[in-house]
C-alpha atoms as a PDB file:
ATOM      1  CA  MET A   1      70.813  -3.952  35.327  1.00  0.00           C
ATOM      2  CA  LEU A   2      67.693  -5.988  36.624  1.00  0.00           C
ATOM      3  CA  LYS A   3      66.252  -2.965  38.347  1.00  0.00           C
ATOM      4  CA  LYS A   4      66.526  -0.975  35.312  1.00  0.00           C
ATOM      5  CA  ILE A   5      64.861  -3.613  33.213  1.00  0.00           C
ATOM      6  CA  VAL A   6      61.921  -3.688  35.730  1.00  0.00           C
ATOM      7  CA  ALA A   7      61.883  -0.107  36.413  1.00  0.00           C
ATOM      8  CA  GLY A   8      61.196   0.129  32.675  1.00  0.00           C
ATOM      9  CA  ILE A   9      58.588  -2.296  32.318  1.00  0.00           C
ATOM     10  CA  VAL A  10      56.591  -0.487  34.937  1.00  0.00           C
ATOM     11  CA  ALA A  11      57.334   3.005  33.044  1.00  0.00           C
ATOM     12  CA  VAL A  12      55.982   1.298  29.822  1.00  0.00           C
ATOM     13  CA  ALA A  13      52.794  -0.208  32.170  1.00  0.00           C
ATOM     14  CA  VAL A  14      52.120   3.660  33.350  1.00  0.00           C
ATOM     15  CA  ILE A  15      52.596   5.101  30.179  1.00  0.00           C
ATOM     16  CA  PHE A  16      50.351   2.560  28.916  1.00  0.00           C
ATOM     17  CA  LEU A  17      47.536   2.768  31.576  1.00  0.00           C
ATOM     18  CA  VAL A  18      47.931   6.945  31.891  1.00  0.00           C
ATOM     19  CA  VAL A  19      47.258   7.547  28.037  1.00  0.00           C
ATOM     20  CA  GLY A  20      44.680   4.326  27.910  1.00  0.00           C
ATOM     21  CA  MET A  21      42.500   6.561  30.171  1.00  0.00           C
ATOM     22  CA  LEU A  22      42.740   9.755  28.046  1.00  0.00           C
ATOM     23  CA  LEU A  23      41.754   7.715  24.759  1.00  0.00           C
ATOM     24  CA  PRO A  24      38.376   8.139  23.994  1.00  0.00           C
ATOM     25  CA  ARG A  25      35.566   5.687  25.916  1.00  0.00           C
ATOM     26  CA  LYS A  26      33.141   5.729  22.886  1.00  0.00           C
ATOM     27  CA  VAL A  27      33.804   4.518  19.469  1.00  0.00           C
ATOM     28  CA  HIS A  28      32.025   5.072  16.170  1.00  0.00           C
ATOM     29  CA  VAL A  29      32.386   3.529  12.930  1.00  0.00           C
ATOM     30  CA  GLN A  30      30.432   4.110   9.948  1.00  0.00           C
ATOM     31  CA  ARG A  31      30.650   3.491   5.922  1.00  0.00           C
ATOM     32  CA  THR A  32      28.577   4.548   3.478  1.00  0.00           C
ATOM     33  CA  ALA A  33      27.547   2.688  -0.119  1.00  0.00           C
ATOM     34  CA  GLU A  34      25.275   4.158  -2.774  1.00  0.00           C
ATOM     35  CA  ILE A  35      22.265   1.553  -4.441  1.00  0.00           C
ATOM     36  CA  ALA A  36      20.846   2.086  -7.426  1.00  0.00           C
ATOM     37  CA  ARG A  37      17.197   1.545  -6.237  1.00  0.00           C
ATOM     38  CA  PRO A  38      14.851   3.737  -4.346  1.00  0.00           C
ATOM     39  CA  ALA A  39      14.944   3.598  -0.988  1.00  0.00           C
ATOM     40  CA  SER A  40      11.536   2.167  -0.091  1.00  0.00           C
ATOM     41  CA  MET A  41      13.146  -1.405  -1.625  1.00  0.00           C
ATOM     42  CA  VAL A  42      16.244  -0.651   0.913  1.00  0.00           C
ATOM     43  CA  PHE A  43      14.111  -0.448   3.420  1.00  0.00           C
ATOM     44  CA  ALA A  44      12.197  -3.214   3.088  1.00  0.00           C
ATOM     45  CA  THR A  45      15.450  -5.312   2.522  1.00  0.00           C
ATOM     46  CA  VAL A  46      16.981  -4.362   5.266  1.00  0.00           C
ATOM     47  CA  ASP A  47      13.712  -3.705   8.244  1.00  0.00           C
ATOM     48  CA  SER A  48      13.864  -7.281   8.844  1.00  0.00           C
ATOM     49  CA  PHE A  49      16.284 -10.597   9.474  1.00  0.00           C
ATOM     50  CA  ARG A  50      14.813 -12.477   6.878  1.00  0.00           C
ATOM     51  CA  LEU A  51      17.104 -11.620   3.949  1.00  0.00           C
ATOM     52  CA  PHE A  52      20.205 -10.544   6.432  1.00  0.00           C
ATOM     53  CA  PRO A  53      22.222 -14.105   6.170  1.00  0.00           C
ATOM     54  CA  LYS A  54      22.398 -13.183   2.469  1.00  0.00           C
ATOM     55  CA  TRP A  55      24.100  -9.585   2.961  1.00  0.00           C
ATOM     56  CA  SER A  56      25.728 -10.032   6.336  1.00  0.00           C
ATOM     57  CA  PRO A  57      29.437  -9.816   5.851  1.00  0.00           C
ATOM     58  CA  TRP A  58      29.797 -12.384   8.820  1.00  0.00           C
ATOM     59  CA  GLN A  59      27.979 -15.020   7.138  1.00  0.00           C
ATOM     60  CA  ASP A  60      30.610 -17.012   5.588  1.00  0.00           C
ATOM     61  CA  LEU A  61      32.866 -17.419   8.897  1.00  0.00           C
ATOM     62  CA  ASP A  62      31.023 -20.249   9.963  1.00  0.00           C
ATOM     63  CA  PRO A  63      29.230 -22.299   7.220  1.00  0.00           C
ATOM     64  CA  ASN A  64      27.649 -24.035  10.716  1.00  0.00           C
ATOM     65  CA  MET A  65      26.431 -20.730  12.471  1.00  0.00           C
ATOM     66  CA  HIS A  66      23.235 -21.387  13.821  1.00  0.00           C
ATOM     67  CA  GLN A  67      20.597 -18.342  13.028  1.00  0.00           C
ATOM     68  CA  ALA A  68      17.084 -17.972  14.318  1.00  0.00           C
ATOM     69  CA  THR A  69      14.747 -15.148  14.396  1.00  0.00           C
ATOM     70  CA  ALA A  70      11.825 -14.344  16.849  1.00  0.00           C
ATOM     71  CA  GLY A  71       9.161 -11.518  17.323  1.00  0.00           C
ATOM     72  CA  PRO A  72       7.338  -9.691  14.443  1.00  0.00           C
ATOM     73  CA  ARG A  73       8.707 -10.202  10.834  1.00  0.00           C
ATOM     74  CA  GLU A  74       9.824  -7.111  10.269  1.00  0.00           C
ATOM     75  CA  GLY A  75      10.092  -3.565  12.110  1.00  0.00           C
ATOM     76  CA  VAL A  76      10.551  -2.996  16.159  1.00  0.00           C
ATOM     77  CA  GLY A  77      11.074  -6.131  18.090  1.00  0.00           C
ATOM     78  CA  ALA A  78      12.155  -8.368  14.935  1.00  0.00           C
ATOM     79  CA  LYS A  79      15.098 -10.298  16.686  1.00  0.00           C
ATOM     80  CA  LEU A  80      17.755 -12.168  15.307  1.00  0.00           C
ATOM     81  CA  VAL A  81      19.955 -14.712  17.742  1.00  0.00           C
ATOM     82  CA  TRP A  82      23.124 -16.132  16.582  1.00  0.00           C
ATOM     83  CA  SER A  83      25.350 -18.880  17.947  1.00  0.00           C
ATOM     84  CA  GLY A  84      28.507 -20.526  16.173  1.00  0.00           C
ATOM     85  CA  ASN A  85      32.487 -20.805  15.859  1.00  0.00           C
ATOM     86  CA  ASP A  86      34.952 -18.309  17.977  1.00  0.00           C
ATOM     87  CA  LYS A  87      34.810 -16.275  14.769  1.00  0.00           C
ATOM     88  CA  VAL A  88      30.976 -15.280  15.178  1.00  0.00           C
ATOM     89  CA  GLY A  89      30.737 -15.830  18.915  1.00  0.00           C
ATOM     90  CA  THR A  90      27.053 -16.183  19.941  1.00  0.00           C
ATOM     91  CA  GLY A  91      24.391 -12.738  20.621  1.00  0.00           C
ATOM     92  CA  ALA A  92      21.543 -11.587  19.620  1.00  0.00           C
ATOM     93  CA  GLN A  93      20.020  -8.253  17.283  1.00  0.00           C
ATOM     94  CA  VAL A  94      16.816  -6.616  17.974  1.00  0.00           C
ATOM     95  CA  ILE A  95      14.965  -3.501  15.980  1.00  0.00           C
ATOM     96  CA  THR A  96      14.398  -0.779  18.267  1.00  0.00           C
ATOM     97  CA  ALA A  97      13.357   1.982  15.775  1.00  0.00           C
ATOM     98  CA  ALA A  98      12.234   2.110  12.029  1.00  0.00           C
ATOM     99  CA  GLU A  99      11.050   5.343  10.056  1.00  0.00           C
ATOM    100  CA  PRO A 100      10.007   3.970   7.121  1.00  0.00           C
ATOM    101  CA  ASP A 101      12.208   4.681   3.995  1.00  0.00           C
ATOM    102  CA  ARG A 102      14.706   6.641   5.838  1.00  0.00           C
ATOM    103  CA  SER A 103      16.071   4.599   9.099  1.00  0.00           C
ATOM    104  CA  VAL A 104      16.597   1.414  10.873  1.00  0.00           C
ATOM    105  CA  SER A 105      18.037   1.411  14.392  1.00  0.00           C
ATOM    106  CA  SER A 106      19.101  -2.177  16.663  1.00  0.00           C
ATOM    107  CA  ASP A 107      20.727  -2.921  19.807  1.00  0.00           C
ATOM    108  CA  LEU A 108      23.392  -5.736  19.126  1.00  0.00           C
ATOM    109  CA  ASP A 109      23.923  -7.680  22.683  1.00  0.00           C
ATOM    110  CA  PHE A 110      26.999  -9.765  22.856  1.00  0.00           C
ATOM    111  CA  GLY A 111      26.559 -10.966  26.272  1.00  0.00           C
ATOM    112  CA  ARG A 112      29.342 -10.344  28.988  1.00  0.00           C
ATOM    113  CA  MET A 113      31.077  -7.855  26.527  1.00  0.00           C
ATOM    114  CA  GLY A 114      28.006  -5.094  26.462  1.00  0.00           C
ATOM    115  CA  ILE A 115      25.638  -3.762  24.053  1.00  0.00           C
ATOM    116  CA  ALA A 116      26.018  -1.772  20.571  1.00  0.00           C
ATOM    117  CA  LYS A 117      23.764   0.234  18.955  1.00  0.00           C
ATOM    118  CA  SER A 118      23.632   0.098  15.061  1.00  0.00           C
ATOM    119  CA  ALA A 119      22.168   2.028  12.637  1.00  0.00           C
ATOM    120  CA  LEU A 120      20.980   2.574   9.053  1.00  0.00           C
ATOM    121  CA  LEU A 121      19.933   5.456   7.155  1.00  0.00           C
ATOM    122  CA  LEU A 122      18.667   6.183   4.108  1.00  0.00           C
ATOM    123  CA  ALA A 123      19.204   9.439   1.944  1.00  0.00           C
ATOM    124  CA  PRO A 124      17.034   8.976  -1.177  1.00  0.00           C
ATOM    125  CA  SER A 125      19.003  10.763  -3.924  1.00  0.00           C
ATOM    126  CA  GLY A 126      16.645  10.137  -7.487  1.00  0.00           C
ATOM    127  CA  GLY A 127      16.654   6.901  -8.382  1.00  0.00           C
ATOM    128  CA  SER A 128      19.516   5.661  -6.199  1.00  0.00           C
ATOM    129  CA  THR A 129      19.629   5.420  -2.281  1.00  0.00           C
ATOM    130  CA  ARG A 130      22.945   6.624  -0.449  1.00  0.00           C
ATOM    131  CA  VAL A 131      23.064   4.200   2.856  1.00  0.00           C
ATOM    132  CA  THR A 132      25.289   4.699   5.814  1.00  0.00           C
ATOM    133  CA  TRP A 133      25.936   1.669   8.071  1.00  0.00           C
ATOM    134  CA  SER A 134      27.051   2.782  11.326  1.00  0.00           C
ATOM    135  CA  LEU A 135      28.406   1.401  15.329  1.00  0.00           C
ATOM    136  CA  ASP A 136      28.306   3.491  18.029  1.00  0.00           C
ATOM    137  CA  THR A 137      29.636   1.484  21.520  1.00  0.00           C
ATOM    138  CA  ASP A 138      31.291   1.973  25.050  1.00  0.00           C
ATOM    139  CA  MET A 139      34.412   0.211  25.311  1.00  0.00           C
ATOM    140  CA  GLY A 140      34.199   0.658  28.883  1.00  0.00           C
ATOM    141  CA  ALA A 141      36.570   2.738  31.622  1.00  0.00           C
ATOM    142  CA  GLY A 142      39.346   0.317  31.721  1.00  0.00           C
ATOM    143  CA  PRO A 143      42.423   1.489  29.585  1.00  0.00           C
ATOM    144  CA  VAL A 144      42.127  -1.718  27.986  1.00  0.00           C
ATOM    145  CA  GLY A 145      39.365  -1.304  25.937  1.00  0.00           C
ATOM    146  CA  ARG A 146      40.048   1.637  25.018  1.00  0.00           C
ATOM    147  CA  TRP A 147      43.133   0.853  23.351  1.00  0.00           C
ATOM    148  CA  PHE A 148      41.325  -2.094  21.325  1.00  0.00           C
ATOM    149  CA  GLY A 149      38.977   0.907  20.223  1.00  0.00           C
ATOM    150  CA  LEU A 150      41.581   2.170  18.465  1.00  0.00           C
ATOM    151  CA  MET A 151      41.230  -0.621  15.886  1.00  0.00           C
ATOM    152  CA  MET A 152      37.463  -0.868  15.843  1.00  0.00           C
ATOM    153  CA  ASP A 153      37.493   1.140  12.834  1.00  0.00           C
ATOM    154  CA  ARG A 154      40.007  -0.728  10.718  1.00  0.00           C
ATOM    155  CA  MET A 155      38.442  -4.040  11.771  1.00  0.00           C
ATOM    156  CA  ILE A 156      34.281  -3.524  12.315  1.00  0.00           C
ATOM    157  CA  GLY A 157      34.832  -0.782   9.147  1.00  0.00           C
ATOM    158  CA  LYS A 158      36.184  -3.608   6.405  1.00  0.00           C
ATOM    159  CA  ASP A 159      33.406  -6.139   7.391  1.00  0.00           C
ATOM    160  CA  PHE A 160      30.778  -2.854   6.985  1.00  0.00           C
ATOM    161  CA  ASP A 161      31.991  -2.180   3.407  1.00  0.00           C
ATOM    162  CA  ALA A 162      31.658  -5.534   2.392  1.00  0.00           C
ATOM    163  CA  GLY A 163      28.354  -6.025   3.809  1.00  0.00           C
ATOM    164  CA  LEU A 164      27.435  -2.741   2.011  1.00  0.00           C
ATOM    165  CA  ARG A 165      28.738  -4.367  -1.015  1.00  0.00           C
ATOM    166  CA  LYS A 166      26.343  -7.602  -0.622  1.00  0.00           C
ATOM    167  CA  LEU A 167      23.629  -5.867   0.116  1.00  0.00           C
ATOM    168  CA  LYS A 168      23.995  -3.559  -3.111  1.00  0.00           C
ATOM    169  CA  THR A 169      24.153  -6.812  -5.036  1.00  0.00           C
ATOM    170  CA  LEU A 170      20.908  -8.058  -3.815  1.00  0.00           C
ATOM    171  CA  VAL A 171      18.854  -4.695  -3.864  1.00  0.00           C
ATOM    172  CA  GLU A 172      19.815  -4.159  -7.205  1.00  0.00           C
ATOM    173  CA  GLY A 173      18.579  -7.743  -8.599  1.00  0.00           C
ATOM    174  CA  MET A 174      15.300  -7.066  -7.257  1.00  0.00           C
ATOM    175  CA  PRO A 175      12.917  -5.374  -9.595  1.00  0.00           C
ATOM    176  CA  ASN A 176      13.721  -1.841  -9.599  1.00  0.00           C
ATOM    177  CA  VAL A 177      10.253  -0.435  -8.509  1.00  0.00           C
ATOM    178  CA  ASP A 178       9.218   2.096  -6.048  1.00  0.00           C
ATOM    179  CA  ILE A 179       7.170   0.242  -3.226  1.00  0.00           C
ATOM    180  CA  ALA A 180       6.537   3.332  -0.972  1.00  0.00           C
ATOM    181  CA  GLY A 181       2.821   3.236   0.306  1.00  0.00           C
ATOM    182  CA  PHE A 182       2.055   0.054  -1.579  1.00  0.00           C
ATOM    183  CA  ASP A 183       1.117  -2.045   1.696  1.00  0.00           C
ATOM    184  CA  PRO A 184      -0.980  -5.343   0.714  1.00  0.00           C
ATOM    185  CA  VAL A 185      -2.280  -7.257   4.141  1.00  0.00           C
ATOM    186  CA  PRO A 186      -1.877 -10.659   4.429  1.00  0.00           C
ATOM    187  CA  VAL A 187      -4.941 -12.938   4.324  1.00  0.00           C
ATOM    188  CA  ASP A 188      -6.206 -16.509   4.397  1.00  0.00           C
ATOM    189  CA  MET A 189      -8.297 -17.604   0.997  1.00  0.00           C
ATOM    190  CA  THR A 190     -10.809 -20.584   1.177  1.00  0.00           C
ATOM    191  CA  ALA A 191     -11.376 -22.749  -1.570  1.00  0.00           C
ATOM    192  CA  GLY A 192     -14.675 -22.747  -3.913  1.00  0.00           C
ATOM    193  CA  PRO A 193     -15.896 -24.207  -7.256  1.00  0.00           C
ATOM    194  CA  ILE A 194     -15.188 -22.003 -10.014  1.00  0.00           C
ATOM    195  CA  LEU A 195     -15.482 -22.477 -13.997  1.00  0.00           C
ATOM    196  CA  VAL A 196     -12.342 -21.558 -16.076  1.00  0.00           C
ATOM    197  CA  VAL A 197     -11.323 -20.932 -19.465  1.00  0.00           C
ATOM    198  CA  SER A 198      -8.023 -21.022 -20.926  1.00  0.00           C
ATOM    199  CA  GLU A 199      -6.607 -18.538 -23.647  1.00  0.00           C
ATOM    200  CA  THR A 200      -3.541 -17.214 -24.708  1.00  0.00           C
ATOM    201  CA  ALA A 201      -3.209 -14.024 -26.615  1.00  0.00           C
ATOM    202  CA  PRO A 202      -0.917 -11.430 -27.374  1.00  0.00           C
ATOM    203  CA  LEU A 203       0.864  -8.778 -24.872  1.00  0.00           C
ATOM    204  CA  ASP A 204      -1.148  -6.170 -26.146  1.00  0.00           C
ATOM    205  CA  SER A 205      -4.092  -4.757 -24.024  1.00  0.00           C
ATOM    206  CA  PRO A 206      -6.867  -4.755 -26.224  1.00  0.00           C
ATOM    207  CA  GLU A 207      -5.723  -8.571 -27.381  1.00  0.00           C
ATOM    208  CA  ILE A 208      -6.085  -9.690 -23.933  1.00  0.00           C
ATOM    209  CA  GLY A 209      -9.044  -7.710 -22.971  1.00  0.00           C
ATOM    210  CA  LYS A 210     -10.870  -9.473 -26.441  1.00  0.00           C
ATOM    211  CA  ALA A 211      -9.372 -12.834 -25.250  1.00  0.00           C
ATOM    212  CA  TYR A 212     -11.362 -12.546 -21.792  1.00  0.00           C
ATOM    213  CA  ALA A 213     -14.173 -11.872 -23.550  1.00  0.00           C
ATOM    214  CA  ASP A 214     -14.399 -14.189 -25.552  1.00  0.00           C
ATOM    215  CA  ALA A 215     -13.823 -16.853 -22.701  1.00  0.00           C
ATOM    216  CA  TYR A 216     -16.522 -14.577 -20.201  1.00  0.00           C
ATOM    217  CA  VAL A 217     -18.792 -15.744 -23.505  1.00  0.00           C
ATOM    218  CA  LYS A 218     -18.152 -19.435 -23.400  1.00  0.00           C
ATOM    219  CA  ILE A 219     -18.302 -19.132 -19.354  1.00  0.00           C
ATOM    220  CA  GLY A 220     -22.110 -17.731 -19.570  1.00  0.00           C
ATOM    221  CA  LYS A 221     -23.130 -20.090 -22.330  1.00  0.00           C
ATOM    222  CA  PHE A 222     -22.142 -22.803 -20.281  1.00  0.00           C
ATOM    223  CA  MET A 223     -23.441 -21.167 -17.183  1.00  0.00           C
ATOM    224  CA  ALA A 224     -26.685 -20.790 -18.844  1.00  0.00           C
ATOM    225  CA  LYS A 225     -26.997 -24.275 -20.104  1.00  0.00           C
ATOM    226  CA  ASN A 226     -26.646 -26.475 -16.851  1.00  0.00           C
ATOM    227  CA  LYS A 227     -28.535 -23.906 -14.624  1.00  0.00           C
ATOM    228  CA  LEU A 228     -25.632 -22.570 -12.739  1.00  0.00           C
ATOM    229  CA  HIS A 229     -25.434 -19.364 -10.404  1.00  0.00           C
ATOM    230  CA  ALA A 230     -22.199 -16.772 -10.028  1.00  0.00           C
ATOM    231  CA  ALA A 231     -21.377 -16.739  -6.159  1.00  0.00           C
ATOM    232  CA  GLY A 232     -18.908 -13.760  -6.709  1.00  0.00           C
ATOM    233  CA  ALA A 233     -16.830 -11.328  -8.875  1.00  0.00           C
ATOM    234  CA  PRO A 234     -15.346 -12.646 -12.059  1.00  0.00           C
ATOM    235  CA  LEU A 235     -11.376 -13.653 -12.034  1.00  0.00           C
ATOM    236  CA  GLY A 236      -8.147 -14.036 -13.644  1.00  0.00           C
ATOM    237  CA  ILE A 237      -5.450 -16.448 -12.852  1.00  0.00           C
ATOM    238  CA  ASP A 238      -1.963 -15.525 -14.175  1.00  0.00           C
ATOM    239  CA  GLY A 239       0.101 -18.141 -16.308  1.00  0.00           C
ATOM    240  CA  ASP A 240       3.039 -17.854 -18.488  1.00  0.00           C
ATOM    241  CA  ILE A 241       4.491 -14.806 -20.630  1.00  0.00           C
ATOM    242  CA  ALA A 242       6.234 -16.618 -23.585  1.00  0.00           C
ATOM    243  CA  ASN A 243       7.074 -15.841 -27.242  1.00  0.00           C
ATOM    244  CA  GLY A 244       5.246 -12.490 -26.947  1.00  0.00           C
ATOM    245  CA  SER A 245       2.229 -13.888 -25.674  1.00  0.00           C
ATOM    246  CA  PHE A 246       0.678 -13.973 -22.350  1.00  0.00           C
ATOM    247  CA  SER A 247      -1.918 -17.287 -21.272  1.00  0.00           C
ATOM    248  CA  PHE A 248      -4.224 -17.420 -18.044  1.00  0.00           C
ATOM    249  CA  GLN A 249      -7.410 -18.579 -17.229  1.00  0.00           C
ATOM    250  CA  ALA A 250     -10.181 -16.657 -16.907  1.00  0.00           C
ATOM    251  CA  GLY A 251     -12.635 -17.605 -14.243  1.00  0.00           C
ATOM    252  CA  MET A 252     -16.054 -17.428 -12.257  1.00  0.00           C
ATOM    253  CA  PRO A 253     -16.907 -18.636  -8.961  1.00  0.00           C
ATOM    254  CA  ILE A 254     -20.213 -20.647  -9.140  1.00  0.00           C
ATOM    255  CA  ASP A 255     -22.784 -22.095  -6.458  1.00  0.00           C
ATOM    256  CA  ARG A 256     -22.219 -25.599  -7.458  1.00  0.00           C
ATOM    257  CA  ALA A 257     -20.108 -28.062  -8.951  1.00  0.00           C
ATOM    258  CA  ASP A 258     -22.122 -30.945  -9.860  1.00  0.00           C
ATOM    259  CA  VAL A 259     -21.785 -30.851 -13.861  1.00  0.00           C
ATOM    260  CA  ALA A 260     -19.065 -31.994 -16.392  1.00  0.00           C
ATOM    261  CA  ASP A 261     -16.800 -30.197 -17.903  1.00  0.00           C
ATOM    262  CA  ALA A 262     -17.533 -29.213 -21.798  1.00  0.00           C
ATOM    263  CA  ASP A 263     -16.774 -26.671 -24.729  1.00  0.00           C
ATOM    264  CA  GLY A 264     -13.753 -25.559 -23.315  1.00  0.00           C
ATOM    265  CA  VAL A 265     -15.037 -24.938 -19.689  1.00  0.00           C
ATOM    266  CA  ARG A 266     -13.415 -26.827 -16.945  1.00  0.00           C
ATOM    267  CA  ILE A 267     -14.554 -26.903 -13.275  1.00  0.00           C
ATOM    268  CA  ALA A 268     -11.687 -26.110 -10.719  1.00  0.00           C
ATOM    269  CA  GLN A 269     -11.578 -25.171  -7.224  1.00  0.00           C
ATOM    270  CA  SER A 270     -10.054 -21.897  -6.504  1.00  0.00           C
ATOM    271  CA  TYR A 271      -6.692 -21.043  -4.209  1.00  0.00           C
ATOM    272  CA  GLN A 272      -6.762 -22.202  -0.906  1.00  0.00           C
ATOM    273  CA  GLY A 273      -4.377 -20.717   1.465  1.00  0.00           C
ATOM    274  CA  LYS A 274      -2.327 -17.411   2.361  1.00  0.00           C
ATOM    275  CA  ALA A 275      -1.543 -14.913   0.233  1.00  0.00           C
ATOM    276  CA  LEU A 276      -1.425 -10.838  -0.474  1.00  0.00           C
ATOM    277  CA  LYS A 277      -4.142  -8.216  -0.787  1.00  0.00           C
ATOM    278  CA  ALA A 278      -4.163  -5.693  -2.532  1.00  0.00           C
ATOM    279  CA  THR A 279      -6.660  -3.133  -4.184  1.00  0.00           C
ATOM    280  CA  HIS A 280      -6.273  -1.607  -7.475  1.00  0.00           C
ATOM    281  CA  VAL A 281      -7.992   1.408  -8.345  1.00  0.00           C
ATOM    282  CA  GLY A 282      -8.527   1.943 -12.210  1.00  0.00           C
ATOM    283  CA  PRO A 283      -8.494   0.975 -15.958  1.00  0.00           C
ATOM    284  CA  TYR A 284      -7.386  -2.480 -16.278  1.00  0.00           C
ATOM    285  CA  ASN A 285      -4.727  -1.844 -18.516  1.00  0.00           C
ATOM    286  CA  THR A 286      -3.089   0.287 -15.627  1.00  0.00           C
ATOM    287  CA  LEU A 287      -2.643  -3.017 -13.741  1.00  0.00           C
ATOM    288  CA  THR A 288       0.185  -3.956 -14.641  1.00  0.00           C
ATOM    289  CA  GLY A 289       1.926  -0.860 -12.079  1.00  0.00           C
ATOM    290  CA  THR A 290       0.439  -2.653  -8.987  1.00  0.00           C
ATOM    291  CA  TYR A 291       1.750  -6.157 -10.517  1.00  0.00           C
ATOM    292  CA  ASP A 292       5.287  -4.642 -10.826  1.00  0.00           C
ATOM    293  CA  ALA A 293       4.819  -3.048  -7.412  1.00  0.00           C
ATOM    294  CA  PHE A 294       3.629  -6.887  -6.344  1.00  0.00           C
ATOM    295  CA  ARG A 295       7.062  -8.296  -7.573  1.00  0.00           C
ATOM    296  CA  ALA A 296       8.993  -5.834  -6.092  1.00  0.00           C
ATOM    297  CA  TYR A 297       7.453  -6.389  -2.715  1.00  0.00           C
ATOM    298  CA  VAL A 298       7.853 -10.278  -2.377  1.00  0.00           C
ATOM    299  CA  ALA A 299      11.381  -9.915  -3.247  1.00  0.00           C
ATOM    300  CA  ALA A 300      12.330  -6.870  -0.842  1.00  0.00           C
ATOM    301  CA  HIS A 301      10.332  -8.572   1.786  1.00  0.00           C
ATOM    302  CA  ASP A 302      11.424 -12.327   1.012  1.00  0.00           C
ATOM    303  CA  TYR A 303       7.911 -13.966   0.389  1.00  0.00           C
ATOM    304  CA  THR A 304       7.738 -16.940  -0.985  1.00  0.00           C
ATOM    305  CA  PRO A 305       4.887 -17.034  -3.613  1.00  0.00           C
ATOM    306  CA  ALA A 306       3.244 -20.622  -3.800  1.00  0.00           C
ATOM    307  CA  ALA A 307       1.136 -19.858  -6.802  1.00  0.00           C
ATOM    308  CA  SER A 308       0.008 -18.200  -9.670  1.00  0.00           C
ATOM    309  CA  PRO A 309      -1.494 -14.405  -8.794  1.00  0.00           C
ATOM    310  CA  ILE A 310      -5.497 -13.994  -9.055  1.00  0.00           C
ATOM    311  CA  SER A 311      -7.320 -10.439  -9.450  1.00  0.00           C
ATOM    312  CA  TRP A 312     -10.964 -10.900  -8.640  1.00  0.00           C
ATOM    313  CA  TYR A 313     -12.839  -7.874 -11.026  1.00  0.00           C
ATOM    314  CA  ILE A 314     -15.245  -6.237  -8.482  1.00  0.00           C
ATOM    315  CA  ASP A 315     -16.891  -3.736 -10.368  1.00  0.00           C
ATOM    316  CA  ASP A 316     -18.583  -4.417 -13.863  1.00  0.00           C
ATOM    317  CA  PRO A 317     -16.716  -2.351 -16.001  1.00  0.00           C
ATOM    318  CA  ALA A 318     -20.437  -1.672 -17.984  1.00  0.00           C
ATOM    319  CA  LYS A 319     -21.403   0.105 -15.054  1.00  0.00           C
ATOM    320  CA  THR A 320     -18.375   1.722 -13.713  1.00  0.00           C
ATOM    321  CA  PRO A 321     -16.358   4.267 -14.856  1.00  0.00           C
ATOM    322  CA  PRO A 322     -12.772   3.128 -15.783  1.00  0.00           C
ATOM    323  CA  GLN A 323     -11.284   5.251 -13.331  1.00  0.00           C
ATOM    324  CA  GLN A 324     -12.762   3.593 -10.492  1.00  0.00           C
ATOM    325  CA  LEU A 325     -12.675  -0.064 -11.273  1.00  0.00           C
ATOM    326  CA  ARG A 326     -12.097  -1.786  -8.045  1.00  0.00           C
ATOM    327  CA  THR A 327      -9.588  -4.972  -8.914  1.00  0.00           C
ATOM    328  CA  GLU A 328      -8.552  -7.198  -5.920  1.00  0.00           C
ATOM    329  CA  VAL A 329      -4.922  -8.643  -6.648  1.00  0.00           C
ATOM    330  CA  TYR A 330      -4.019 -12.232  -4.616  1.00  0.00           C
ATOM    331  CA  TRP A 331      -0.617 -13.213  -4.538  1.00  0.00           C
ATOM    332  CA  PRO A 332      -0.476 -16.570  -3.115  1.00  0.00           C
ATOM    333  CA  ILE A 333       2.615 -17.306  -0.534  1.00  0.00           C
ATOM    334  CA  ARG A 334       3.948 -20.259   1.388  1.00  0.00           C
END
């Protein structure tokens, strides 16, 4: 009887080994979701690890998990390193390739467990994007790993489904704006003395324009009275929108600040610090498009605003055709 039992065990082991060697060595897992946002917004969100904790399906497995980023902020070379409990283990992920608004590929390094290839493919469809998240890995030459590979689709697939649901919620909570081709540059702004006049106007382009004109008349009279000279282009600092009204500050850089506030005109210092800069070309009443793009860009790239947006009106509208007017828009960030 004992010999029969041993022989049965050996037979099962042989079958296990033989069949295992016939199983696929390489495993492919993929899941797909539809996100109601342009591909440019999805790409900006997944082309870095800044927002990954907000859509990762493994984030809640270890509340004390340590995560750190390295390399560039986004794109090829951006890296995430993590360590945690037995459920998340330790490892690193680095972006190895990125095609704007189309795909992001990365390597997942699990140490002794090897490296897996991950990819996010984006397929624009109208105003939505079809996102396919895939994983390719080699289970090794041994039969045990190949048997384990049979469970990978079920194990990893449910995580990918959960992650894509979280990604959908995250991106669809951002502005619905196509930011393809919108590429503001980081700059450091220095402070200087400016004159400012606070104004409030109805949410109507002509009314806002009139309020700006009135403010600049006050500033012009103040400068003439105090013998001040302009030290740059006029500017506007956004305020709040409430109850159908828009509040803002009209400003003018000046050559000195040894004067006192008067007649509704104040002396202030312009913003100093980091900002994102984009140049808008066109009539002032089309600036809202650039502002909308900025809001979407800042959200998808996970920037934290540090102050109100600032617009510098580079060209004189009395001498420049509306379609050629340049406005430098600065978005202060931390």
